[in-house]
C-alpha atoms as a PDB file:
ATOM      1  CA  MET A   1     -90.100  90.952 248.580  1.00  0.00           C
ATOM      2  CA  THR A   2     -93.492  89.732 247.482  1.00  0.00           C
ATOM      3  CA  PRO A   3     -94.324  86.037 247.832  1.00  0.00           C
ATOM      4  CA  ILE A   4     -94.451  85.658 244.041  1.00  0.00           C
ATOM      5  CA  ALA A   5     -91.030  87.273 243.604  1.00  0.00           C
ATOM      6  CA  ARG A   6     -89.631  85.067 246.374  1.00  0.00           C
ATOM      7  CA  THR A   7     -91.034  81.936 244.724  1.00  0.00           C
ATOM      8  CA  ARG A   8     -89.630  82.960 241.349  1.00  0.00           C
ATOM      9  CA  LEU A   9     -86.215  83.583 242.906  1.00  0.00           C
ATOM     10  CA  LEU A  10     -86.259  80.149 244.551  1.00  0.00           C
ATOM     11  CA  PHE A  11     -87.193  78.499 241.255  1.00  0.00           C
ATOM     12  CA  LEU A  12     -84.486  80.474 239.437  1.00  0.00           C
ATOM     13  CA  LEU A  13     -81.865  79.388 241.979  1.00  0.00           C
ATOM     14  CA  SER A  14     -82.962  75.761 241.748  1.00  0.00           C
ATOM     15  CA  TYR A  15     -82.768  75.909 237.943  1.00  0.00           C
ATOM     16  CA  LEU A  16     -79.285  77.403 238.280  1.00  0.00           C
ATOM     17  CA  CYS A  17     -78.220  74.461 240.449  1.00  0.00           C
ATOM     18  CA  PHE A  18     -79.641  71.909 238.026  1.00  0.00           C
ATOM     19  CA  GLY A  19     -78.123  73.791 235.092  1.00  0.00           C
ATOM     20  CA  LEU A  20     -74.681  73.661 236.683  1.00  0.00           C
ATOM     21  CA  VAL A  21     -75.026  69.908 237.217  1.00  0.00           C
ATOM     22  CA  ALA A  22     -76.103  69.596 233.574  1.00  0.00           C
ATOM     23  CA  TYR A  23     -73.031  71.587 232.515  1.00  0.00           C
ATOM     24  CA  ALA A  24     -70.829  69.232 234.556  1.00  0.00           C
ATOM     25  CA  LEU A  25     -72.423  66.275 232.779  1.00  0.00           C
ATOM     26  CA  TYR A  26     -71.830  68.006 229.436  1.00  0.00           C
ATOM     27  CA  LEU A  27     -68.147  68.430 230.317  1.00  0.00           C
ATOM     28  CA  GLN A  28     -67.967  64.778 231.314  1.00  0.00           C
ATOM     29  CA  HIS A  29     -69.794  63.162 228.414  1.00  0.00           C
ATOM     30  CA  ILE A  30     -69.299  65.572 225.502  1.00  0.00           C
ATOM     31  CA  GLU A  31     -65.920  67.135 226.327  1.00  0.00           C
ATOM     32  CA  HIS A  32     -64.663  63.852 227.869  1.00  0.00           C
ATOM     33  CA  LEU A  33     -63.375  65.398 231.105  1.00  0.00           C
ATOM     34  CA  ALA A  34     -63.297  62.761 233.839  1.00  0.00           C
ATOM     35  CA  PRO A  35     -64.747  63.983 237.150  1.00  0.00           C
ATOM     36  CA  CYS A  36     -62.675  63.658 240.301  1.00  0.00           C
ATOM     37  CA  PRO A  37     -64.079  62.772 243.760  1.00  0.00           C
ATOM     38  CA  LEU A  38     -64.279  66.434 244.748  1.00  0.00           C
ATOM     39  CA  CYS A  39     -66.183  67.219 241.528  1.00  0.00           C
ATOM     40  CA  ILE A  40     -68.724  64.521 242.343  1.00  0.00           C
ATOM     41  CA  LEU A  41     -69.189  65.835 245.895  1.00  0.00           C
ATOM     42  CA  GLN A  42     -69.834  69.292 244.429  1.00  0.00           C
ATOM     43  CA  ARG A  43     -72.462  67.754 242.118  1.00  0.00           C
ATOM     44  CA  TYR A  44     -74.183  66.310 245.180  1.00  0.00           C
ATOM     45  CA  ALA A  45     -74.124  69.751 246.817  1.00  0.00           C
ATOM     46  CA  PHE A  46     -75.599  71.488 243.770  1.00  0.00           C
ATOM     47  CA  GLY A  47     -78.212  68.774 243.242  1.00  0.00           C
ATOM     48  CA  GLY A  48     -79.268  68.701 246.883  1.00  0.00           C
ATOM     49  CA  ALA A  49     -79.352  72.474 247.195  1.00  0.00           C
ATOM     50  CA  GLY A  50     -81.364  72.714 243.985  1.00  0.00           C
ATOM     51  CA  LEU A  51     -83.843  70.126 245.213  1.00  0.00           C
ATOM     52  CA  PHE A  52     -84.419  71.897 248.534  1.00  0.00           C
ATOM     53  CA  LEU A  53     -84.648  75.305 246.839  1.00  0.00           C
ATOM     54  CA  LEU A  54     -87.291  73.864 244.509  1.00  0.00           C
ATOM     55  CA  LEU A  55     -89.206  72.381 247.440  1.00  0.00           C
ATOM     56  CA  SER A  56     -88.964  75.707 249.293  1.00  0.00           C
ATOM     57  CA  GLY A  57     -90.448  77.428 246.254  1.00  0.00           C
ATOM     58  CA  LEU A  58     -93.319  74.945 246.096  1.00  0.00           C
ATOM     59  CA  PHE A  59     -94.200  75.083 249.795  1.00  0.00           C
ATOM     60  CA  GLY A  60     -94.526  78.030 252.113  1.00  0.00           C
ATOM     61  CA  GLY A  61     -94.151  78.820 255.761  1.00  0.00           C
ATOM     62  CA  SER A  62     -91.881  76.934 258.096  1.00  0.00           C
ATOM     63  CA  LEU A  63     -91.424  74.104 255.581  1.00  0.00           C
ATOM     64  CA  ALA A  64     -89.933  76.550 253.069  1.00  0.00           C
ATOM     65  CA  ARG A  65     -87.708  78.044 255.749  1.00  0.00           C
ATOM     66  CA  SER A  66     -86.463  74.591 256.740  1.00  0.00           C
ATOM     67  CA  GLY A  67     -85.758  73.793 253.106  1.00  0.00           C
ATOM     68  CA  LEU A  68     -83.760  76.999 252.779  1.00  0.00           C
ATOM     69  CA  TRP A  69     -81.655  76.090 255.818  1.00  0.00           C
ATOM     70  CA  VAL A  70     -80.970  72.612 254.432  1.00  0.00           C
ATOM     71  CA  SER A  71     -80.070  74.197 251.099  1.00  0.00           C
ATOM     72  CA  ALA A  72     -77.724  76.616 252.866  1.00  0.00           C
ATOM     73  CA  LEU A  73     -76.027  73.750 254.722  1.00  0.00           C
ATOM     74  CA  LEU A  74     -75.597  71.712 251.541  1.00  0.00           C
ATOM     75  CA  SER A  75     -74.239  74.745 249.685  1.00  0.00           C
ATOM     76  CA  ALA A  76     -71.836  75.561 252.514  1.00  0.00           C
ATOM     77  CA  ALA A  77     -70.580  71.977 252.580  1.00  0.00           C
ATOM     78  CA  GLY A  78     -70.162  72.109 248.802  1.00  0.00           C
ATOM     79  CA  ALA A  79     -68.290  75.400 249.127  1.00  0.00           C
ATOM     80  CA  ALA A  80     -65.906  73.766 251.596  1.00  0.00           C
ATOM     81  CA  VAL A  81     -65.293  70.932 249.119  1.00  0.00           C
ATOM     82  CA  ALA A  82     -64.835  73.422 246.275  1.00  0.00           C
ATOM     83  CA  GLY A  83     -62.402  75.399 248.437  1.00  0.00           C
ATOM     84  CA  ARG A  84     -60.400  72.238 248.979  1.00  0.00           C
ATOM     85  CA  HIS A  85     -60.491  71.586 245.224  1.00  0.00           C
ATOM     86  CA  VAL A  86     -59.151  75.072 244.487  1.00  0.00           C
ATOM     87  CA  TYR A  87     -56.416  74.488 247.075  1.00  0.00           C
ATOM     88  CA  VAL A  88     -55.452  71.219 245.372  1.00  0.00           C
ATOM     89  CA  LEU A  89     -55.297  72.998 241.996  1.00  0.00           C
ATOM     90  CA  TYR A  90     -52.910  75.648 243.273  1.00  0.00           C
ATOM     91  CA  ASN A  91     -50.785  73.219 245.278  1.00  0.00           C
ATOM     92  CA  PRO A  92     -49.831  70.398 242.897  1.00  0.00           C
ATOM     93  CA  SER A  93     -47.943  68.527 245.615  1.00  0.00           C
ATOM     94  CA  VAL A  94     -51.309  67.887 247.334  1.00  0.00           C
ATOM     95  CA  SER A  95     -53.293  65.057 245.811  1.00  0.00           C
ATOM     96  CA  CYS A  96     -56.744  63.641 246.154  1.00  0.00           C
ATOM     97  CA  GLY A  97     -56.599  61.030 243.403  1.00  0.00           C
ATOM     98  CA  LEU A  98     -56.534  57.425 244.599  1.00  0.00           C
ATOM     99  CA  ASP A  99     -57.381  57.934 248.220  1.00  0.00           C
ATOM    100  CA  PRO A 100     -60.168  57.141 250.697  1.00  0.00           C
ATOM    101  CA  VAL A 101     -62.266  60.049 249.381  1.00  0.00           C
ATOM    102  CA  GLU A 102     -62.522  58.403 245.963  1.00  0.00           C
ATOM    103  CA  ASP A 103     -63.389  55.048 247.522  1.00  0.00           C
ATOM    104  CA  PHE A 104     -66.046  56.718 249.678  1.00  0.00           C
ATOM    105  CA  VAL A 105     -67.581  58.669 246.771  1.00  0.00           C
ATOM    106  CA  ASN A 106     -67.647  55.636 244.504  1.00  0.00           C
ATOM    107  CA  SER A 107     -69.248  53.462 247.201  1.00  0.00           C
ATOM    108  CA  LEU A 108     -72.237  55.808 247.665  1.00  0.00           C
ATOM    109  CA  PRO A 109     -75.525  54.451 246.271  1.00  0.00           C
ATOM    110  CA  PRO A 110     -75.902  57.095 243.504  1.00  0.00           C
ATOM    111  CA  ALA A 111     -72.499  56.037 242.119  1.00  0.00           C
ATOM    112  CA  GLN A 112     -73.858  52.508 241.836  1.00  0.00           C
ATOM    113  CA  TRP A 113     -77.256  53.514 240.439  1.00  0.00           C
ATOM    114  CA  LEU A 114     -76.045  56.211 238.011  1.00  0.00           C
ATOM    115  CA  PRO A 115     -72.335  55.731 237.403  1.00  0.00           C
ATOM    116  CA  GLN A 116     -72.543  57.976 234.318  1.00  0.00           C
ATOM    117  CA  ALA A 117     -73.225  60.916 236.630  1.00  0.00           C
ATOM    118  CA  PHE A 118     -71.736  60.055 240.032  1.00  0.00           C
ATOM    119  CA  PHE A 119     -68.703  57.795 239.524  1.00  0.00           C
ATOM    120  CA  ALA A 120     -65.352  59.528 240.082  1.00  0.00           C
ATOM    121  CA  ASP A 121     -62.417  58.472 237.948  1.00  0.00           C
ATOM    122  CA  GLY A 122     -60.473  61.698 237.359  1.00  0.00           C
ATOM    123  CA  THR A 123     -57.727  63.473 239.249  1.00  0.00           C
ATOM    124  CA  CYS A 124     -58.419  66.603 241.267  1.00  0.00           C
ATOM    125  CA  GLY A 125     -55.217  68.340 240.254  1.00  0.00           C
ATOM    126  CA  ALA A 126     -55.911  68.109 236.514  1.00  0.00           C
ATOM    127  CA  LYS A 127     -55.575  71.537 234.972  1.00  0.00           C
ATOM    128  CA  LEU A 128     -58.496  72.305 232.665  1.00  0.00           C
ATOM    129  CA  PRO A 129     -58.893  75.271 230.348  1.00  0.00           C
ATOM    130  CA  PRO A 130     -60.397  78.221 232.255  1.00  0.00           C
ATOM    131  CA  VAL A 131     -63.925  79.412 231.588  1.00  0.00           C
ATOM    132  CA  LEU A 132     -64.086  83.217 231.416  1.00  0.00           C
ATOM    133  CA  GLY A 133     -60.793  83.434 233.278  1.00  0.00           C
ATOM    134  CA  LEU A 134     -61.637  81.114 236.185  1.00  0.00           C
ATOM    135  CA  ASP A 135     -61.035  77.403 236.631  1.00  0.00           C
ATOM    136  CA  ILE A 136     -64.115  75.215 236.978  1.00  0.00           C
ATOM    137  CA  PRO A 137     -63.606  74.605 240.742  1.00  0.00           C
ATOM    138  CA  GLU A 138     -63.321  78.378 241.237  1.00  0.00           C
ATOM    139  CA  TRP A 139     -66.661  78.868 239.481  1.00  0.00           C
ATOM    140  CA  SER A 140     -68.131  76.141 241.621  1.00  0.00           C
ATOM    141  CA  LEU A 141     -66.834  77.808 244.778  1.00  0.00           C
ATOM    142  CA  LEU A 142     -68.232  81.168 243.679  1.00  0.00           C
ATOM    143  CA  TRP A 143     -71.710  79.794 242.929  1.00  0.00           C
ATOM    144  CA  LEU A 144     -71.841  77.706 246.106  1.00  0.00           C
ATOM    145  CA  VAL A 145     -70.952  80.738 248.233  1.00  0.00           C
ATOM    146  CA  VAL A 146     -73.634  82.786 246.446  1.00  0.00           C
ATOM    147  CA  LEU A 147     -76.182  80.012 246.997  1.00  0.00           C
ATOM    148  CA  THR A 148     -75.250  79.723 250.676  1.00  0.00           C
ATOM    149  CA  LEU A 149     -75.559  83.442 251.325  1.00  0.00           C
ATOM    150  CA  THR A 150     -78.789  83.759 249.356  1.00  0.00           C
ATOM    151  CA  ALA A 151     -80.414  80.809 251.129  1.00  0.00           C
ATOM    152  CA  VAL A 152     -79.410  82.175 254.537  1.00  0.00           C
ATOM    153  CA  LEU A 153     -80.691  85.670 253.726  1.00  0.00           C
ATOM    154  CA  LEU A 154     -83.978  84.329 252.355  1.00  0.00           C
ATOM    155  CA  SER A 155     -84.479  82.092 255.389  1.00  0.00           C
ATOM    156  CA  LEU A 156     -83.957  85.031 257.745  1.00  0.00           C
ATOM    157  CA  ARG A 157     -86.496  87.233 255.945  1.00  0.00           C
ATOM    158  CA  ARG A 158     -90.122  87.072 256.867  1.00  0.00           C
ATOM    159  CA  ALA A 159     -92.296  85.458 254.216  1.00  0.00           C
END
């Protein structure tokens, strides 16, 4: 892979991350779907991964490789959260509504600075209409796994 193609791929992946966060904000503010604590944690994962992918595209060498590893870790953590969210959806007896996770998420500084984007007030088990046959947490899980694998593979390749 040429350095230009690698940089373009990193920018494309970062735009994908930011686009998915923008879509989540669209669902929240236009479609009036309240985000749950797990949704907000997935937003953090996408935003952080996107930021480090963007930085990896801007810088080269070991700095880019470090950024890819951080992006992979954030994506993997987000995938774990999304996996838990999918589990909650398919097991209605499990709840994550008013619990310590919500208190933790809502006490983080971004929830105080930008409550329109990072304040959780929905329930994780709420069934939403599927998008192209998959629930939103399933899409999130799919994209976070793809981001994790791509970041790991790119970090292992020589620049």
